[in-house]
Amino acid sequence: MGKVIYLNKGGLQMKKEVTVFDIAKAFLTMQSMTHKKLQKLCYYAQAWHLALYKNKLFKEDFEPWIHGPVCRDLYNVYKEYGWNNIPKEEKLPDNISSEIYEFLKVVFNTYGEFTGDELEAISHSELPWREARKGLEEWEPSVNRIIDPNIMRDYYSMVYEQSQND
């Protein structure tokens, strides 16, 4: 049987596509946390990747739920934990490169000190979530809405540029 060769544009070995589940597990190697906090960290990883690198870190989208940005697929995997902490992961997923992990550590160092409730409040104050919830009451579920990745990219790019000018 022959060897499997992986190719990409750079000619280097290409790893399996990164998913929101891989990013969640990587964050869980850093700390045990609530589902709400994990959702928000994954959201901010996606948002800042869009802002800094102009592309998505993973393909899954976020919806503007009442308690902030939520990836429905991720919710379905971890909802059994309710308000309890999800156990810490011991091992990084194989397809998380050192570059991605370093990026996630920066996101964690920025947002990891906050609770899920605090991250909810922060996300509620920001344009991408507010824009996606336009026309909804604060108690009203968002059905078939996503937080537009282009708005995320533009908003967090602007936040980054402003921080560089301070």
C-alpha atoms as a PDB file:
ATOM      1  CA  MET A   1       0.000   0.000   0.000  1.00  0.00           C
ATOM      2  CA  GLY A   2       1.306   3.435  -0.934  1.00  0.00           C
ATOM      3  CA  LYS A   3       2.024   6.397   1.274  1.00  0.00           C
ATOM      4  CA  VAL A   4      -0.625   9.101   1.626  1.00  0.00           C
ATOM      5  CA  ILE A   5       0.720  12.480   0.592  1.00  0.00           C
ATOM      6  CA  TYR A   6      -0.967  15.663   1.685  1.00  0.00           C
ATOM      7  CA  LEU A   7      -0.535  18.750  -0.469  1.00  0.00           C
ATOM      8  CA  ASN A   8      -1.575  22.348  -0.218  1.00  0.00           C
ATOM      9  CA  LYS A   9      -0.575  25.518  -2.044  1.00  0.00           C
ATOM     10  CA  GLY A  10       2.649  25.821  -0.066  1.00  0.00           C
ATOM     11  CA  GLY A  11       3.576  22.199  -0.623  1.00  0.00           C
ATOM     12  CA  LEU A  12       3.600  21.505   3.111  1.00  0.00           C
ATOM     13  CA  GLN A  13       1.634  18.817   4.841  1.00  0.00           C
ATOM     14  CA  MET A  14      -1.964  19.943   5.230  1.00  0.00           C
ATOM     15  CA  LYS A  15      -3.783  19.068   8.416  1.00  0.00           C
ATOM     16  CA  LYS A  16      -7.470  18.277   8.723  1.00  0.00           C
ATOM     17  CA  GLU A  17      -9.754  21.306   8.587  1.00  0.00           C
ATOM     18  CA  VAL A  18     -10.149  23.015  11.965  1.00  0.00           C
ATOM     19  CA  THR A  19     -13.678  23.040  13.391  1.00  0.00           C
ATOM     20  CA  VAL A  20     -15.322  24.922  16.223  1.00  0.00           C
ATOM     21  CA  PHE A  21     -15.067  21.679  18.223  1.00  0.00           C
ATOM     22  CA  ASP A  22     -11.269  21.670  17.827  1.00  0.00           C
ATOM     23  CA  ILE A  23     -11.099  25.291  18.968  1.00  0.00           C
ATOM     24  CA  ALA A  24     -13.343  24.513  21.958  1.00  0.00           C
ATOM     25  CA  LYS A  25     -11.157  21.568  22.978  1.00  0.00           C
ATOM     26  CA  ALA A  26      -8.049  23.740  22.646  1.00  0.00           C
ATOM     27  CA  PHE A  27      -9.589  26.344  24.987  1.00  0.00           C
ATOM     28  CA  LEU A  28     -10.515  23.539  27.364  1.00  0.00           C
ATOM     29  CA  THR A  29      -6.830  22.555  27.612  1.00  0.00           C
ATOM     30  CA  MET A  30      -6.295  25.986  29.155  1.00  0.00           C
ATOM     31  CA  GLN A  31      -9.080  25.857  31.723  1.00  0.00           C
ATOM     32  CA  SER A  32     -12.245  24.066  32.779  1.00  0.00           C
ATOM     33  CA  MET A  33     -15.126  26.474  32.127  1.00  0.00           C
ATOM     34  CA  THR A  34     -18.852  26.868  31.672  1.00  0.00           C
ATOM     35  CA  HIS A  35     -20.518  26.305  28.360  1.00  0.00           C
ATOM     36  CA  LYS A  36     -21.415  30.002  28.126  1.00  0.00           C
ATOM     37  CA  LYS A  37     -17.798  31.058  28.557  1.00  0.00           C
ATOM     38  CA  LEU A  38     -16.621  28.469  26.033  1.00  0.00           C
ATOM     39  CA  GLN A  39     -19.138  29.726  23.458  1.00  0.00           C
ATOM     40  CA  LYS A  40     -17.960  33.303  23.859  1.00  0.00           C
ATOM     41  CA  LEU A  41     -14.265  32.374  23.655  1.00  0.00           C
ATOM     42  CA  CYS A  42     -14.921  30.485  20.417  1.00  0.00           C
ATOM     43  CA  TYR A  43     -16.862  33.481  19.108  1.00  0.00           C
ATOM     44  CA  TYR A  44     -14.015  35.865  19.919  1.00  0.00           C
ATOM     45  CA  ALA A  45     -11.488  33.501  18.336  1.00  0.00           C
ATOM     46  CA  GLN A  46     -13.532  33.557  15.126  1.00  0.00           C
ATOM     47  CA  ALA A  47     -14.070  37.329  15.320  1.00  0.00           C
ATOM     48  CA  TRP A  48     -10.416  38.180  15.852  1.00  0.00           C
ATOM     49  CA  HIS A  49      -9.256  35.719  13.215  1.00  0.00           C
ATOM     50  CA  LEU A  50     -11.595  37.427  10.758  1.00  0.00           C
ATOM     51  CA  ALA A  51     -10.297  40.852  11.809  1.00  0.00           C
ATOM     52  CA  LEU A  52      -6.601  40.046  11.733  1.00  0.00           C
ATOM     53  CA  TYR A  53      -6.347  37.459   8.948  1.00  0.00           C
ATOM     54  CA  LYS A  54      -9.466  38.291   6.891  1.00  0.00           C
ATOM     55  CA  ASN A  55     -10.715  34.690   6.857  1.00  0.00           C
ATOM     56  CA  LYS A  56     -12.628  32.357   9.105  1.00  0.00           C
ATOM     57  CA  LEU A  57     -10.780  30.176  11.580  1.00  0.00           C
ATOM     58  CA  PHE A  58     -13.519  27.534  11.209  1.00  0.00           C
ATOM     59  CA  LYS A  59     -16.586  27.212   8.987  1.00  0.00           C
ATOM     60  CA  GLU A  60     -19.301  27.124  11.665  1.00  0.00           C
ATOM     61  CA  ASP A  61     -21.371  30.280  12.244  1.00  0.00           C
ATOM     62  CA  PHE A  62     -22.690  31.968  15.368  1.00  0.00           C
ATOM     63  CA  GLU A  63     -26.287  32.878  16.039  1.00  0.00           C
ATOM     64  CA  PRO A  64     -27.416  35.917  18.067  1.00  0.00           C
ATOM     65  CA  TRP A  65     -29.039  34.082  20.968  1.00  0.00           C
ATOM     66  CA  ILE A  66     -30.528  35.867  23.967  1.00  0.00           C
ATOM     67  CA  HIS A  67     -27.384  35.230  26.040  1.00  0.00           C
ATOM     68  CA  GLY A  68     -24.975  36.275  23.305  1.00  0.00           C
ATOM     69  CA  PRO A  69     -23.290  34.587  20.343  1.00  0.00           C
ATOM     70  CA  VAL A  70     -23.821  30.828  20.198  1.00  0.00           C
ATOM     71  CA  CYS A  71     -22.710  28.187  17.726  1.00  0.00           C
ATOM     72  CA  ARG A  72     -25.687  25.810  17.651  1.00  0.00           C
ATOM     73  CA  ASP A  73     -23.588  22.722  16.840  1.00  0.00           C
ATOM     74  CA  LEU A  74     -21.247  23.444  19.747  1.00  0.00           C
ATOM     75  CA  TYR A  75     -24.238  24.073  22.001  1.00  0.00           C
ATOM     76  CA  ASN A  76     -25.691  20.679  21.128  1.00  0.00           C
ATOM     77  CA  VAL A  77     -22.438  18.923  22.094  1.00  0.00           C
ATOM     78  CA  TYR A  78     -21.939  20.630  25.477  1.00  0.00           C
ATOM     79  CA  LYS A  79     -25.502  21.486  26.594  1.00  0.00           C
ATOM     80  CA  GLU A  80     -25.554  18.506  28.974  1.00  0.00           C
ATOM     81  CA  TYR A  81     -23.218  20.446  31.298  1.00  0.00           C
ATOM     82  CA  GLY A  82     -25.818  23.150  31.888  1.00  0.00           C
ATOM     83  CA  TRP A  83     -24.320  25.775  34.210  1.00  0.00           C
ATOM     84  CA  ASN A  84     -21.558  23.427  35.431  1.00  0.00           C
ATOM     85  CA  ASN A  85     -17.971  23.577  34.247  1.00  0.00           C
ATOM     86  CA  ILE A  86     -16.970  21.402  31.326  1.00  0.00           C
ATOM     87  CA  PRO A  87     -13.981  19.267  32.373  1.00  0.00           C
ATOM     88  CA  LYS A  88     -10.521  20.342  31.303  1.00  0.00           C
ATOM     89  CA  GLU A  89      -9.060  18.575  28.254  1.00  0.00           C
ATOM     90  CA  GLU A  90      -5.649  16.998  28.636  1.00  0.00           C
ATOM     91  CA  LYS A  91      -4.585  16.957  24.988  1.00  0.00           C
ATOM     92  CA  LEU A  92      -4.826  19.399  22.097  1.00  0.00           C
ATOM     93  CA  PRO A  93      -6.602  18.166  18.977  1.00  0.00           C
ATOM     94  CA  ASP A  94      -4.050  16.923  16.428  1.00  0.00           C
ATOM     95  CA  ASN A  95      -4.990  19.519  13.827  1.00  0.00           C
ATOM     96  CA  ILE A  96      -4.384  22.539  16.075  1.00  0.00           C
ATOM     97  CA  SER A  97      -1.062  23.914  14.853  1.00  0.00           C
ATOM     98  CA  SER A  98       1.305  25.794  17.114  1.00  0.00           C
ATOM     99  CA  GLU A  99       0.368  29.003  15.259  1.00  0.00           C
ATOM    100  CA  ILE A 100      -3.335  28.498  15.917  1.00  0.00           C
ATOM    101  CA  TYR A 101      -2.655  27.564  19.535  1.00  0.00           C
ATOM    102  CA  GLU A 102      -0.580  30.724  20.050  1.00  0.00           C
ATOM    103  CA  PHE A 103      -3.423  32.759  18.536  1.00  0.00           C
ATOM    104  CA  LEU A 104      -5.941  31.063  20.875  1.00  0.00           C
ATOM    105  CA  LYS A 105      -3.697  31.806  23.866  1.00  0.00           C
ATOM    106  CA  VAL A 106      -3.804  35.503  22.966  1.00  0.00           C
ATOM    107  CA  VAL A 107      -7.609  35.351  22.772  1.00  0.00           C
ATOM    108  CA  PHE A 108      -7.691  33.513  26.111  1.00  0.00           C
ATOM    109  CA  ASN A 109      -5.293  36.007  27.720  1.00  0.00           C
ATOM    110  CA  THR A 110      -7.620  38.803  26.579  1.00  0.00           C
ATOM    111  CA  TYR A 111     -10.987  37.273  27.508  1.00  0.00           C
ATOM    112  CA  GLY A 112     -10.237  34.328  29.802  1.00  0.00           C
ATOM    113  CA  GLU A 113     -10.361  36.341  33.024  1.00  0.00           C
ATOM    114  CA  PHE A 114     -14.057  37.062  32.454  1.00  0.00           C
ATOM    115  CA  THR A 115     -16.972  34.827  33.413  1.00  0.00           C
ATOM    116  CA  GLY A 116     -19.511  33.646  30.874  1.00  0.00           C
ATOM    117  CA  ASP A 117     -21.943  36.272  32.172  1.00  0.00           C
ATOM    118  CA  GLU A 118     -19.357  39.039  31.800  1.00  0.00           C
ATOM    119  CA  LEU A 119     -18.535  37.887  28.261  1.00  0.00           C
ATOM    120  CA  GLU A 120     -22.263  37.866  27.499  1.00  0.00           C
ATOM    121  CA  ALA A 121     -22.494  41.495  28.615  1.00  0.00           C
ATOM    122  CA  ILE A 122     -19.441  42.460  26.547  1.00  0.00           C
ATOM    123  CA  SER A 123     -20.802  40.771  23.407  1.00  0.00           C
ATOM    124  CA  HIS A 124     -24.201  42.464  23.946  1.00  0.00           C
ATOM    125  CA  SER A 125     -22.481  45.852  23.802  1.00  0.00           C
ATOM    126  CA  GLU A 126     -20.838  45.135  20.436  1.00  0.00           C
ATOM    127  CA  LEU A 127     -22.199  45.813  16.959  1.00  0.00           C
ATOM    128  CA  PRO A 128     -22.137  42.293  15.407  1.00  0.00           C
ATOM    129  CA  TRP A 129     -24.508  40.778  18.001  1.00  0.00           C
ATOM    130  CA  ARG A 130     -26.696  43.913  18.201  1.00  0.00           C
ATOM    131  CA  GLU A 131     -26.991  44.122  14.413  1.00  0.00           C
ATOM    132  CA  ALA A 132     -27.976  40.453  14.131  1.00  0.00           C
ATOM    133  CA  ARG A 133     -30.682  40.936  16.819  1.00  0.00           C
ATOM    134  CA  LYS A 134     -32.200  44.035  15.213  1.00  0.00           C
ATOM    135  CA  GLY A 135     -35.985  43.957  15.465  1.00  0.00           C
ATOM    136  CA  LEU A 136     -36.058  41.305  18.217  1.00  0.00           C
ATOM    137  CA  GLU A 137     -37.176  41.860  21.793  1.00  0.00           C
ATOM    138  CA  GLU A 138     -34.477  41.093  24.379  1.00  0.00           C
ATOM    139  CA  TRP A 139     -36.368  37.938  25.461  1.00  0.00           C
ATOM    140  CA  GLU A 140     -37.189  36.806  21.914  1.00  0.00           C
ATOM    141  CA  PRO A 141     -35.250  33.866  20.423  1.00  0.00           C
ATOM    142  CA  SER A 142     -33.443  34.461  17.147  1.00  0.00           C
ATOM    143  CA  VAL A 143     -34.622  31.964  14.582  1.00  0.00           C
ATOM    144  CA  ASN A 144     -32.626  31.389  11.398  1.00  0.00           C
ATOM    145  CA  ARG A 145     -30.315  34.339  11.980  1.00  0.00           C
ATOM    146  CA  ILE A 146     -26.542  34.327  11.994  1.00  0.00           C
ATOM    147  CA  ILE A 147     -24.068  36.942  13.089  1.00  0.00           C
ATOM    148  CA  ASP A 148     -22.691  38.149   9.773  1.00  0.00           C
ATOM    149  CA  PRO A 149     -18.975  37.257   9.514  1.00  0.00           C
ATOM    150  CA  ASN A 150     -18.394  40.357   7.360  1.00  0.00           C
ATOM    151  CA  ILE A 151     -19.771  42.587  10.111  1.00  0.00           C
ATOM    152  CA  MET A 152     -17.617  40.706  12.631  1.00  0.00           C
ATOM    153  CA  ARG A 153     -14.527  41.219  10.456  1.00  0.00           C
ATOM    154  CA  ASP A 154     -15.194  44.914   9.897  1.00  0.00           C
ATOM    155  CA  TYR A 155     -16.128  45.683  13.505  1.00  0.00           C
ATOM    156  CA  TYR A 156     -13.194  43.914  15.156  1.00  0.00           C
ATOM    157  CA  SER A 157     -10.802  45.296  12.495  1.00  0.00           C
ATOM    158  CA  MET A 158     -11.981  48.770  13.479  1.00  0.00           C
ATOM    159  CA  VAL A 159     -11.508  47.950  17.187  1.00  0.00           C
ATOM    160  CA  TYR A 160      -7.991  46.698  16.420  1.00  0.00           C
ATOM    161  CA  GLU A 161      -7.105  49.792  14.369  1.00  0.00           C
ATOM    162  CA  GLN A 162      -8.373  52.080  17.126  1.00  0.00           C
ATOM    163  CA  SER A 163      -6.288  50.208  19.700  1.00  0.00           C
ATOM    164  CA  GLN A 164      -3.188  50.710  17.548  1.00  0.00           C
ATOM    165  CA  ASN A 165      -3.822  54.451  17.409  1.00  0.00           C
ATOM    166  CA  ASP A 166      -4.204  54.895  21.186  1.00  0.00           C
END
